[in-house]
Amino acid sequence: MSGPLDEPVSVRVQVCATSANLGPGFDSLGLALGVFDQVEVRVGGEPGVRVTVHGEGVGEVSDGEDHLVVRALRRGLDAAGWTQPDSLELVCRNTIPHGRGLGSSAAAVVAGLVAARALAGPGAGSGGLDDEQLLCLATEFEGHPDNAAAALLGGLTLAWTEPAGPRAVRLEPRPDVVAVLLVPTSRLATHHARSVLPTSVAHADAAANSARAALLVHAMTQDPDLLLPATEDRLHQRQRAAAMPQTIEVVEELRARGLAAVVSGAGPSVLVLGVGDAEALRTRCAATAAAHWRALAPALVAHGATVVAVGDEAVAGPSDRLA
């Protein structure tokens, strides 16, 4: 097929931070949080690839073909059957912290793929990309679908993998469920956090996590009074203690005080789930963490990645179900 651009065109993508695992839901549960990156993609004009980054990642991430959004965009265009553009300009305005377990890489991948869908046009049967395809493509980059599903769909997501590929469903958390993030100055690479996990687990621990993960879905959607027991984990948090001792210390202290604290994704940030007044919960959490931790109270985001034209006209949006 010919390329999507016979003349210059621009699209803008907004994508949110995500927290994966939520304690017991290892590599399956994800939550969309109100911390956002915006990526504007401009195709057409002078040949070459140019990436400008504002905020998180300035001076650290690639400004050319190796930039993760560029790679995802090109992968999406390939999947849609479109010829790659010779001219590509990206302006990234990032607020999602990097290397903190908040899905920054998943956000970049989803942003690039959703931008590719907007450029290629709607209709999976005619060369476009549906949500199922986007999740599969994002999982190629991420290795697991939990963060990508939440970034793509919003809300509370449950992801799993079938022989045909990853699948996900989106659920609505109760409106009174709130979240607090404790974000340290230190970083932790996801590949390192995963490398310290054991290759096998005890049957009793696997059974316990299965029960708690099921309970967590109920707590998030029906009965948040059960959030503390529902977020109990035996599979990955304590096993990563040597890689992030301060994170585990904060989690354990908050849980001892009755707060549903977990490691956010691969860490080292901490996610705390509660009910009611988010600012009051933020204050309680901030009093526990050391001075070098930032305490945020982001909203739970109902919608996933959204594409708008430069003139702010919505041209694409999220789905509720992907199964």
Protein backbone atom coordinates (compact mmCIF):
# COMPACT_ATOMS: atom_id res chain seq x y z
CA MET A 1 0.00 0.00 0.00
CA SER A 2 1.11 3.59 -0.46
CA GLY A 3 2.15 5.66 2.52
CA PRO A 4 -0.49 7.41 4.60
CA LEU A 5 0.90 10.83 3.79
CA ASP A 6 0.70 12.42 0.40
CA GLU A 7 0.83 15.77 2.21
CA PRO A 8 2.01 16.86 5.68
CA VAL A 9 -0.19 15.83 8.60
CA SER A 10 0.06 15.92 12.38
CA VAL A 11 -1.57 14.03 15.21
CA ARG A 12 -1.23 14.37 18.96
CA VAL A 13 -1.46 11.46 21.41
CA GLN A 14 -2.06 11.65 25.14
CA VAL A 15 -1.21 8.55 27.16
CA CYS A 16 -1.24 7.94 30.90
CA ALA A 17 1.02 6.36 33.48
CA THR A 18 0.15 2.90 34.68
CA SER A 19 0.80 0.73 37.70
CA ALA A 20 1.03 -3.00 37.10
CA ASN A 21 0.69 -6.05 39.37
CA LEU A 22 -1.14 -4.15 42.16
CA GLY A 23 0.37 -6.67 44.56
CA PRO A 24 -0.82 -10.19 43.70
CA GLY A 25 -1.75 -9.69 40.03
CA PHE A 26 1.74 -10.32 38.64
CA ASP A 27 1.95 -9.55 34.89
CA SER A 28 -1.85 -9.42 34.66
CA LEU A 29 -3.44 -6.51 36.55
CA GLY A 30 -2.94 -2.88 35.54
CA LEU A 31 -4.33 0.49 36.59
CA ALA A 32 -4.40 3.73 34.59
CA LEU A 33 -3.24 6.79 36.55
CA GLY A 34 -3.57 10.51 35.87
CA VAL A 35 0.03 11.34 35.02
CA PHE A 36 0.39 11.98 31.29
CA ASP A 37 2.78 12.13 28.38
CA GLN A 38 1.81 13.93 25.17
CA VAL A 39 3.39 13.11 21.84
CA GLU A 40 2.85 15.15 18.69
CA VAL A 41 3.77 13.37 15.47
CA ARG A 42 4.33 15.41 12.31
CA VAL A 43 4.85 13.62 9.02
CA GLY A 44 5.90 15.39 5.83
CA GLY A 45 8.37 18.14 5.13
CA GLU A 46 12.13 17.88 5.24
CA PRO A 47 13.47 14.30 5.08
CA GLY A 48 14.83 12.79 8.27
CA VAL A 49 13.79 11.95 11.81
CA ARG A 50 13.80 14.62 14.49
CA VAL A 51 12.72 14.09 18.10
CA THR A 52 12.40 16.88 20.67
CA VAL A 53 11.81 15.90 24.29
CA HIS A 54 10.51 18.15 27.06
CA GLY A 55 10.33 17.03 30.70
CA GLU A 56 11.21 13.46 31.66
CA GLY A 57 13.96 11.93 29.56
CA VAL A 58 15.58 15.15 28.36
CA GLY A 59 19.18 14.42 27.45
CA GLU A 60 18.70 10.71 28.15
CA VAL A 61 16.52 9.22 25.41
CA SER A 62 17.35 9.02 21.71
CA ASP A 63 16.47 11.93 19.45
CA GLY A 64 16.35 9.78 16.30
CA GLU A 65 15.30 6.40 14.94
CA ASP A 66 16.07 4.60 18.20
CA HIS A 67 13.51 6.62 20.14
CA LEU A 68 10.90 4.20 21.48
CA VAL A 69 7.93 6.17 20.13
CA VAL A 70 9.51 6.24 16.67
CA ARG A 71 10.17 2.49 16.75
CA ALA A 72 6.59 1.77 17.85
CA LEU A 73 5.15 4.16 15.27
CA ARG A 74 7.08 2.47 12.48
CA ARG A 75 6.08 -0.99 13.72
CA GLY A 76 2.44 0.09 13.71
CA LEU A 77 2.66 1.50 10.19
CA ASP A 78 4.29 -1.72 9.01
CA ALA A 79 1.49 -3.76 10.59
CA ALA A 80 -1.09 -1.56 8.84
CA GLY A 81 0.65 -2.11 5.51
CA TRP A 82 1.71 1.49 4.95
CA THR A 83 4.95 2.68 3.41
CA GLN A 84 7.22 4.35 5.95
CA PRO A 85 7.42 8.16 5.71
CA ASP A 86 10.78 9.73 4.91
CA SER A 87 10.07 12.75 7.09
CA LEU A 88 9.13 12.32 10.73
CA GLU A 89 9.15 14.85 13.55
CA LEU A 90 8.17 14.13 17.14
CA VAL A 91 7.64 16.51 20.02
CA CYS A 92 7.35 14.62 23.33
CA ARG A 93 6.12 16.34 26.47
CA ASN A 94 6.74 13.83 29.24
CA THR A 95 5.64 13.88 32.86
CA ILE A 96 5.62 10.11 33.53
CA PRO A 97 8.77 9.39 35.59
CA HIS A 98 11.25 7.06 33.89
CA GLY A 99 12.58 3.93 35.59
CA ARG A 100 10.15 4.16 38.50
CA GLY A 101 7.67 1.35 37.78
CA LEU A 102 5.02 3.66 36.30
CA GLY A 103 4.84 2.31 32.77
CA SER A 104 6.86 4.98 30.96
CA SER A 105 8.06 2.54 28.30
CA ALA A 106 4.56 1.12 27.80
CA ALA A 107 3.24 4.67 27.45
CA ALA A 108 5.82 5.43 24.75
CA VAL A 109 5.01 2.24 22.85
CA VAL A 110 1.25 2.75 23.06
CA ALA A 111 1.62 6.39 22.02
CA GLY A 112 3.56 5.38 18.91
CA LEU A 113 1.14 2.61 17.99
CA VAL A 114 -1.97 4.73 18.53
CA ALA A 115 -0.41 7.50 16.44
CA ALA A 116 0.24 4.93 13.70
CA ARG A 117 -3.42 3.88 13.83
CA ALA A 118 -4.53 7.47 13.45
CA LEU A 119 -2.22 8.00 10.47
CA ALA A 120 -3.17 4.72 8.79
CA GLY A 121 -6.90 5.30 9.24
CA PRO A 122 -9.71 3.26 10.85
CA GLY A 123 -10.85 -0.22 9.99
CA ALA A 124 -8.73 -3.27 10.75
CA GLY A 125 -10.06 -5.04 7.68
CA SER A 126 -8.86 -2.26 5.37
CA GLY A 127 -5.34 -1.78 6.66
CA GLY A 128 -6.17 -0.12 9.98
CA LEU A 129 -5.30 -1.37 13.45
CA ASP A 130 -7.84 -2.48 16.06
CA ASP A 131 -7.23 -2.60 19.81
CA GLU A 132 -6.42 -6.30 19.78
CA GLN A 133 -3.68 -5.74 17.22
CA LEU A 134 -2.29 -2.78 19.16
CA LEU A 135 -2.07 -4.84 22.34
CA CYS A 136 -0.26 -7.62 20.49
CA LEU A 137 2.19 -5.15 18.97
CA ALA A 138 2.77 -3.42 22.31
CA THR A 139 3.45 -6.77 23.96
CA GLU A 140 6.15 -7.45 21.35
CA PHE A 141 8.00 -4.46 22.80
CA GLU A 142 7.10 -4.94 26.47
CA GLY A 143 7.24 -8.72 26.82
CA HIS A 144 4.05 -8.73 28.91
CA PRO A 145 0.69 -6.96 28.40
CA ASP A 146 -0.19 -5.54 31.83
CA ASN A 147 1.04 -1.94 31.53
CA ALA A 148 0.22 -1.72 27.82
CA ALA A 149 -3.36 -2.86 28.40
CA ALA A 150 -3.97 -0.17 31.03
CA ALA A 151 -2.32 2.53 28.89
CA LEU A 152 -4.41 1.52 25.89
CA LEU A 153 -7.78 0.93 27.58
CA GLY A 154 -7.71 2.93 30.80
CA GLY A 155 -9.39 1.94 34.06
CA LEU A 156 -8.55 -1.32 35.78
CA THR A 157 -7.39 -3.95 33.30
CA LEU A 158 -6.91 -7.70 33.43
CA ALA A 159 -4.58 -9.11 30.81
CA TRP A 160 -3.75 -12.69 29.90
CA THR A 161 -2.09 -14.53 27.04
CA GLU A 162 -3.63 -17.15 24.78
CA PRO A 163 -1.91 -19.12 22.01
CA ALA A 164 -3.17 -16.50 19.56
CA GLY A 165 -1.68 -13.69 21.63
CA PRO A 166 -2.44 -11.35 24.54
CA ARG A 167 -5.97 -10.34 25.51
CA ALA A 168 -7.32 -7.84 28.02
CA VAL A 169 -10.56 -6.61 29.54
CA ARG A 170 -11.26 -3.27 31.17
CA LEU A 171 -13.20 -2.91 34.43
CA GLU A 172 -14.51 0.17 36.23
CA PRO A 173 -13.04 0.71 39.69
CA ARG A 174 -15.48 1.99 42.26
CA PRO A 175 -15.66 5.79 42.10
CA ASP A 176 -14.55 6.14 45.73
CA VAL A 177 -11.31 4.21 45.21
CA VAL A 178 -8.31 6.55 45.24
CA ALA A 179 -4.59 6.12 44.66
CA VAL A 180 -1.39 7.66 45.99
CA LEU A 181 2.05 7.27 44.43
CA LEU A 182 5.27 7.53 46.37
CA VAL A 183 7.99 8.16 43.79
CA PRO A 184 11.64 8.03 44.89
CA THR A 185 14.53 9.85 43.29
CA SER A 186 16.25 6.52 42.61
CA ARG A 187 15.52 4.41 39.53
CA LEU A 188 15.39 0.69 38.88
CA ALA A 189 15.60 -0.93 35.46
CA THR A 190 12.74 -3.35 34.84
CA HIS A 191 15.05 -6.00 33.42
CA HIS A 192 17.09 -5.95 36.63
CA ALA A 193 13.98 -6.15 38.83
CA ARG A 194 12.80 -9.18 36.85
CA SER A 195 16.22 -10.84 36.87
CA VAL A 196 16.18 -11.31 40.65
CA LEU A 197 12.92 -13.29 40.64
CA PRO A 198 13.11 -17.05 41.27
CA THR A 199 12.48 -19.42 38.37
CA SER A 200 9.91 -21.40 40.38
CA VAL A 201 7.54 -20.74 43.28
CA ALA A 202 5.90 -22.85 45.95
CA HIS A 203 2.46 -24.22 45.15
CA ALA A 204 1.07 -22.67 48.35
CA ASP A 205 2.34 -19.23 47.35
CA ALA A 206 0.85 -19.53 43.87
CA ALA A 207 -2.49 -20.58 45.33
CA ALA A 208 -2.43 -17.70 47.82
CA ASN A 209 -1.73 -15.16 45.09
CA SER A 210 -4.50 -16.54 42.90
CA ALA A 211 -6.98 -16.05 45.73
CA ARG A 212 -5.75 -12.53 46.53
CA ALA A 213 -5.77 -11.45 42.87
CA ALA A 214 -9.38 -12.58 42.53
CA LEU A 215 -10.24 -10.81 45.78
CA LEU A 216 -8.53 -7.64 44.51
CA VAL A 217 -10.82 -7.46 41.49
CA HIS A 218 -13.78 -7.65 43.88
CA ALA A 219 -12.25 -5.07 46.22
CA MET A 220 -11.51 -2.59 43.41
CA THR A 221 -14.96 -2.87 41.84
CA GLN A 222 -17.29 -3.76 44.72
CA ASP A 223 -15.89 -3.65 48.26
CA PRO A 224 -12.78 -1.48 48.79
CA ASP A 225 -12.81 -2.25 52.52
CA LEU A 226 -11.02 -5.45 51.45
CA LEU A 227 -8.14 -3.66 49.70
CA LEU A 228 -5.57 -4.44 52.42
CA PRO A 229 -5.94 -8.25 52.40
CA ALA A 230 -6.56 -8.21 48.64
CA THR A 231 -3.18 -6.63 47.90
CA GLU A 232 -1.15 -9.23 49.78
CA ASP A 233 1.59 -10.73 47.58
CA ARG A 234 3.89 -13.73 47.91
CA LEU A 235 5.38 -14.03 44.42
CA HIS A 236 7.54 -11.01 43.62
CA GLN A 237 7.73 -8.15 46.12
CA ARG A 238 9.80 -9.67 48.93
CA GLN A 239 11.87 -11.49 46.31
CA ARG A 240 12.94 -8.09 44.96
CA ALA A 241 13.89 -6.66 48.35
CA ALA A 242 17.63 -6.73 47.69
CA ALA A 243 17.13 -4.63 44.54
CA MET A 244 14.99 -1.99 46.30
CA PRO A 245 15.25 -2.31 50.10
CA GLN A 246 13.85 1.16 50.84
CA THR A 247 10.78 0.45 48.71
CA ILE A 248 10.01 -2.77 50.56
CA GLU A 249 10.58 -1.01 53.87
CA VAL A 250 8.05 1.70 52.95
CA VAL A 251 5.53 -0.87 51.73
CA GLU A 252 5.78 -2.89 54.93
CA GLU A 253 5.52 0.16 57.18
CA LEU A 254 2.43 1.45 55.36
CA ARG A 255 0.79 -1.97 55.45
CA ALA A 256 1.51 -2.22 59.17
CA ARG A 257 -0.47 1.00 59.50
CA GLY A 258 -3.43 -0.53 57.69
CA LEU A 259 -2.81 0.99 54.24
CA ALA A 260 -2.98 -1.09 51.05
CA ALA A 261 0.54 -0.39 49.79
CA VAL A 262 2.24 -2.36 47.02
CA VAL A 263 5.27 -2.04 44.78
CA SER A 264 4.22 -0.23 41.60
CA GLY A 265 5.13 -2.50 38.71
CA ALA A 266 8.79 -3.46 38.93
CA GLY A 267 9.41 -0.57 41.35
CA PRO A 268 10.86 1.33 42.99
CA SER A 269 7.72 3.51 43.31
CA VAL A 270 5.02 2.54 45.79
CA LEU A 271 1.30 2.54 45.01
CA VAL A 272 -1.20 2.93 47.84
CA LEU A 273 -4.89 2.23 47.27
CA GLY A 274 -7.59 3.60 49.53
CA VAL A 275 -11.11 4.97 49.77
CA GLY A 276 -12.47 8.50 49.93
CA ASP A 277 -10.20 11.52 50.34
CA ALA A 278 -7.12 11.19 48.12
CA GLU A 279 -5.39 14.21 49.63
CA ALA A 280 -5.81 12.87 53.16
CA LEU A 281 -4.37 9.56 52.05
CA ARG A 282 -1.48 11.36 50.35
CA THR A 283 -0.69 13.22 53.58
CA ARG A 284 -0.67 9.98 55.60
CA CYS A 285 1.62 8.28 53.09
CA ALA A 286 3.98 11.23 52.81
CA ALA A 287 4.46 11.23 56.57
CA THR A 288 5.71 7.65 56.37
CA ALA A 289 8.09 7.98 53.42
CA ALA A 290 11.47 9.68 53.63
CA ALA A 291 12.12 13.17 52.34
CA HIS A 292 13.46 12.00 48.98
CA TRP A 293 10.09 10.48 48.02
CA ARG A 294 7.50 12.52 46.12
CA ALA A 295 3.90 11.89 47.18
CA LEU A 296 1.34 12.26 44.37
CA ALA A 297 -2.41 11.68 44.33
CA PRO A 298 -3.25 11.06 40.66
CA ALA A 299 -6.80 10.39 39.58
CA LEU A 300 -7.76 6.97 38.31
CA VAL A 301 -8.10 7.45 34.55
CA ALA A 302 -11.24 6.10 32.92
CA HIS A 303 -9.94 6.28 29.34
CA GLY A 304 -6.81 5.01 27.69
CA ALA A 305 -4.62 6.62 25.07
CA THR A 306 -6.42 9.28 23.07
CA VAL A 307 -5.49 10.81 19.74
CA VAL A 308 -6.54 14.34 18.83
CA ALA A 309 -5.80 16.46 15.80
CA VAL A 310 -3.53 19.45 16.33
CA GLY A 311 -6.70 21.55 16.33
CA ASP A 312 -7.92 19.44 19.32
CA GLU A 313 -10.57 17.62 17.30
CA ALA A 314 -10.83 14.07 18.64
CA VAL A 315 -10.19 11.54 15.91
CA ALA A 316 -9.74 8.33 17.88
CA GLY A 317 -10.30 7.01 21.36
CA PRO A 318 -10.16 4.03 23.65
CA SER A 319 -12.24 0.90 23.78
CA ASP A 320 -13.77 -0.73 26.84
CA ARG A 321 -13.16 -4.34 25.93
CA LEU A 322 -10.43 -6.22 24.16
CA ALA A 323 -11.01 -9.97 24.23
